[in-house]
Amino acid sequence: MIIDYKGQQQVVELKIWRGSEYNQRGEEQLMDYLDAYHLKRGYMISFNFNKKKQTGVKRISLGDKVLIEAVV
């Protein structure tokens, strides 16, 4: 999802949790979007329906990009 507000763009990736490998592919996909839009920061929200999930927000630095990832 691309949010364009007051001339600034933000990229937000929405995913359903389907395991670590699927999550990693989502991060890579978000990185591609950031490259395409010439942005340094992106957001990913993962919806996890597992009973023993770990929710929270973490910051991931990958090269010159920063991903803010939330698991809910």
N, C-alpha and C. Protein backbone atom coordinates (compact mmCIF):
# COMPACT_ATOMS: atom_id res chain seq x y z
N MET A 1 0.85 -1.14 0.00
CA MET A 1 0.00 0.00 0.00
C MET A 1 0.91 1.23 0.00
N ILE A 2 0.63 2.18 -0.88
CA ILE A 2 1.37 3.43 -0.92
C ILE A 2 0.48 4.51 -0.34
N ILE A 3 0.95 5.16 0.68
CA ILE A 3 0.21 6.25 1.30
C ILE A 3 0.88 7.55 0.88
N ASP A 4 0.14 8.41 0.23
CA ASP A 4 0.64 9.69 -0.22
C ASP A 4 -0.09 10.77 0.57
N TYR A 5 0.62 11.43 1.49
CA TYR A 5 0.00 12.40 2.37
C TYR A 5 0.87 13.64 2.44
N LYS A 6 0.30 14.75 2.05
CA LYS A 6 0.98 16.05 2.06
C LYS A 6 2.32 16.00 1.33
N GLY A 7 2.33 15.33 0.19
CA GLY A 7 3.52 15.29 -0.65
C GLY A 7 4.56 14.26 -0.25
N GLN A 8 4.31 13.51 0.82
CA GLN A 8 5.26 12.48 1.22
C GLN A 8 4.64 11.11 1.02
N GLN A 9 5.44 10.18 0.57
CA GLN A 9 4.96 8.82 0.34
C GLN A 9 5.52 7.88 1.40
N GLN A 10 4.68 6.94 1.82
CA GLN A 10 5.07 5.88 2.74
C GLN A 10 4.62 4.56 2.13
N VAL A 11 5.45 3.54 2.27
CA VAL A 11 5.11 2.21 1.76
C VAL A 11 4.80 1.31 2.96
N VAL A 12 3.63 0.68 2.92
CA VAL A 12 3.20 -0.22 3.99
C VAL A 12 2.83 -1.56 3.35
N GLU A 13 3.49 -2.61 3.81
CA GLU A 13 3.21 -3.96 3.33
C GLU A 13 2.34 -4.65 4.38
N LEU A 14 1.22 -5.22 3.97
CA LEU A 14 0.32 -5.94 4.86
C LEU A 14 0.40 -7.42 4.52
N LYS A 15 0.66 -8.26 5.54
CA LYS A 15 0.82 -9.70 5.31
C LYS A 15 0.08 -10.49 6.38
N ILE A 16 -0.34 -11.67 6.02
CA ILE A 16 -0.82 -12.65 6.99
C ILE A 16 0.36 -13.56 7.30
N TRP A 17 0.64 -13.77 8.59
CA TRP A 17 1.78 -14.59 9.01
C TRP A 17 1.59 -16.02 8.53
N ARG A 18 2.57 -16.50 7.78
CA ARG A 18 2.55 -17.88 7.29
C ARG A 18 3.92 -18.52 7.46
N GLY A 19 4.66 -18.05 8.47
CA GLY A 19 5.96 -18.62 8.75
C GLY A 19 7.10 -17.66 8.46
N SER A 20 8.26 -18.01 8.98
CA SER A 20 9.44 -17.15 8.87
C SER A 20 9.89 -16.96 7.42
N GLU A 21 9.86 -18.02 6.64
CA GLU A 21 10.31 -17.93 5.25
C GLU A 21 9.40 -16.98 4.46
N TYR A 22 8.10 -17.11 4.65
CA TYR A 22 7.14 -16.24 3.98
C TYR A 22 7.34 -14.79 4.43
N ASN A 23 7.63 -14.60 5.72
CA ASN A 23 7.86 -13.27 6.25
C ASN A 23 9.11 -12.65 5.64
N GLN A 24 10.15 -13.45 5.47
CA GLN A 24 11.39 -12.95 4.86
C GLN A 24 11.14 -12.51 3.42
N ARG A 25 10.34 -13.27 2.69
CA ARG A 25 10.01 -12.86 1.32
C ARG A 25 9.24 -11.54 1.32
N GLY A 26 8.38 -11.35 2.32
CA GLY A 26 7.66 -10.08 2.44
C GLY A 26 8.59 -8.91 2.68
N GLU A 27 9.61 -9.13 3.51
CA GLU A 27 10.62 -8.09 3.75
C GLU A 27 11.37 -7.75 2.46
N GLU A 28 11.73 -8.77 1.70
CA GLU A 28 12.42 -8.54 0.43
C GLU A 28 11.53 -7.80 -0.55
N GLN A 29 10.26 -8.15 -0.57
CA GLN A 29 9.30 -7.47 -1.44
C GLN A 29 9.19 -5.99 -1.05
N LEU A 30 9.14 -5.72 0.24
CA LEU A 30 9.07 -4.35 0.71
C LEU A 30 10.33 -3.58 0.32
N MET A 31 11.49 -4.22 0.41
CA MET A 31 12.74 -3.57 -0.01
C MET A 31 12.69 -3.18 -1.49
N ASP A 32 12.12 -4.05 -2.32
CA ASP A 32 11.97 -3.74 -3.75
C ASP A 32 11.07 -2.53 -3.95
N TYR A 33 9.99 -2.45 -3.19
CA TYR A 33 9.10 -1.28 -3.28
C TYR A 33 9.83 -0.01 -2.86
N LEU A 34 10.62 -0.10 -1.80
CA LEU A 34 11.37 1.07 -1.35
C LEU A 34 12.34 1.54 -2.44
N ASP A 35 13.00 0.60 -3.09
CA ASP A 35 13.89 0.96 -4.20
C ASP A 35 13.10 1.63 -5.32
N ALA A 36 11.96 1.08 -5.66
CA ALA A 36 11.16 1.63 -6.76
C ALA A 36 10.67 3.05 -6.47
N TYR A 37 10.40 3.34 -5.20
CA TYR A 37 9.90 4.67 -4.83
C TYR A 37 10.99 5.56 -4.24
N HIS A 38 12.24 5.11 -4.28
CA HIS A 38 13.39 5.88 -3.79
C HIS A 38 13.19 6.32 -2.35
N LEU A 39 12.77 5.37 -1.51
CA LEU A 39 12.54 5.64 -0.09
C LEU A 39 13.54 4.86 0.76
N LYS A 40 13.78 5.31 1.96
CA LYS A 40 14.73 4.67 2.88
C LYS A 40 14.04 3.93 4.02
N ARG A 41 12.73 4.19 4.23
CA ARG A 41 12.01 3.58 5.35
C ARG A 41 10.68 3.02 4.86
N GLY A 42 10.38 1.81 5.33
CA GLY A 42 9.12 1.16 4.98
C GLY A 42 8.54 0.47 6.19
N TYR A 43 7.28 0.10 6.09
CA TYR A 43 6.55 -0.50 7.20
C TYR A 43 5.91 -1.81 6.75
N MET A 44 5.93 -2.78 7.65
CA MET A 44 5.27 -4.05 7.36
C MET A 44 4.43 -4.44 8.58
N ILE A 45 3.18 -4.75 8.33
CA ILE A 45 2.28 -5.22 9.38
C ILE A 45 1.92 -6.65 9.06
N SER A 46 2.25 -7.56 9.99
CA SER A 46 1.94 -8.98 9.83
C SER A 46 0.82 -9.36 10.79
N PHE A 47 -0.23 -9.91 10.25
CA PHE A 47 -1.35 -10.36 11.06
C PHE A 47 -1.13 -11.83 11.38
N ASN A 48 -0.91 -12.14 12.65
CA ASN A 48 -0.58 -13.49 13.09
C ASN A 48 -1.73 -14.03 13.92
N PHE A 49 -2.33 -15.12 13.47
CA PHE A 49 -3.48 -15.70 14.15
C PHE A 49 -3.11 -16.92 15.00
N ASN A 50 -1.80 -17.17 15.17
CA ASN A 50 -1.35 -18.28 16.01
C ASN A 50 -1.64 -17.97 17.48
N LYS A 51 -1.94 -19.00 18.25
CA LYS A 51 -2.24 -18.79 19.67
C LYS A 51 -1.00 -18.37 20.47
N LYS A 52 0.17 -18.87 20.10
CA LYS A 52 1.39 -18.56 20.84
C LYS A 52 2.27 -17.56 20.11
N LYS A 53 1.67 -16.58 19.50
CA LYS A 53 2.42 -15.59 18.73
C LYS A 53 3.13 -14.60 19.66
N GLN A 54 4.17 -14.00 19.14
CA GLN A 54 4.87 -12.92 19.82
C GLN A 54 4.55 -11.63 19.07
N THR A 55 3.77 -10.77 19.71
CA THR A 55 3.41 -9.51 19.09
C THR A 55 4.46 -8.45 19.44
N GLY A 56 4.45 -7.39 18.70
CA GLY A 56 5.35 -6.28 18.98
C GLY A 56 5.84 -5.61 17.72
N VAL A 57 6.67 -4.63 17.93
CA VAL A 57 7.24 -3.84 16.83
C VAL A 57 8.75 -3.95 16.91
N LYS A 58 9.37 -4.15 15.76
CA LYS A 58 10.84 -4.18 15.73
C LYS A 58 11.34 -3.37 14.55
N ARG A 59 12.55 -2.89 14.70
CA ARG A 59 13.21 -2.10 13.66
C ARG A 59 14.31 -2.97 13.06
N ILE A 60 14.30 -3.08 11.73
CA ILE A 60 15.28 -3.90 11.03
C ILE A 60 16.05 -3.00 10.07
N SER A 61 17.36 -2.99 10.18
CA SER A 61 18.20 -2.23 9.27
C SER A 61 18.79 -3.20 8.25
N LEU A 62 18.55 -2.92 6.99
CA LEU A 62 19.07 -3.72 5.89
C LEU A 62 19.76 -2.78 4.92
N GLY A 63 21.07 -2.75 5.00
CA GLY A 63 21.81 -1.82 4.15
C GLY A 63 21.49 -0.39 4.56
N ASP A 64 21.10 0.42 3.60
CA ASP A 64 20.74 1.81 3.90
C ASP A 64 19.24 1.98 4.14
N LYS A 65 18.50 0.88 4.22
CA LYS A 65 17.04 0.92 4.41
C LYS A 65 16.68 0.51 5.84
N VAL A 66 15.55 1.01 6.30
CA VAL A 66 15.03 0.65 7.62
C VAL A 66 13.61 0.16 7.44
N LEU A 67 13.34 -1.02 8.01
CA LEU A 67 11.99 -1.58 8.00
C LEU A 67 11.47 -1.53 9.43
N ILE A 68 10.27 -1.03 9.57
CA ILE A 68 9.58 -1.05 10.86
C ILE A 68 8.51 -2.14 10.71
N GLU A 69 8.66 -3.21 11.49
CA GLU A 69 7.79 -4.37 11.32
C GLU A 69 6.98 -4.60 12.60
N ALA A 70 5.68 -4.70 12.44
CA ALA A 70 4.77 -4.94 13.56
C ALA A 70 4.05 -6.26 13.36
N VAL A 71 4.00 -7.07 14.41
CA VAL A 71 3.24 -8.32 14.39
C VAL A 71 2.07 -8.13 15.33
N VAL A 72 0.88 -8.31 14.79
CA VAL A 72 -0.35 -8.17 15.59
C VAL A 72 -1.17 -9.42 15.51
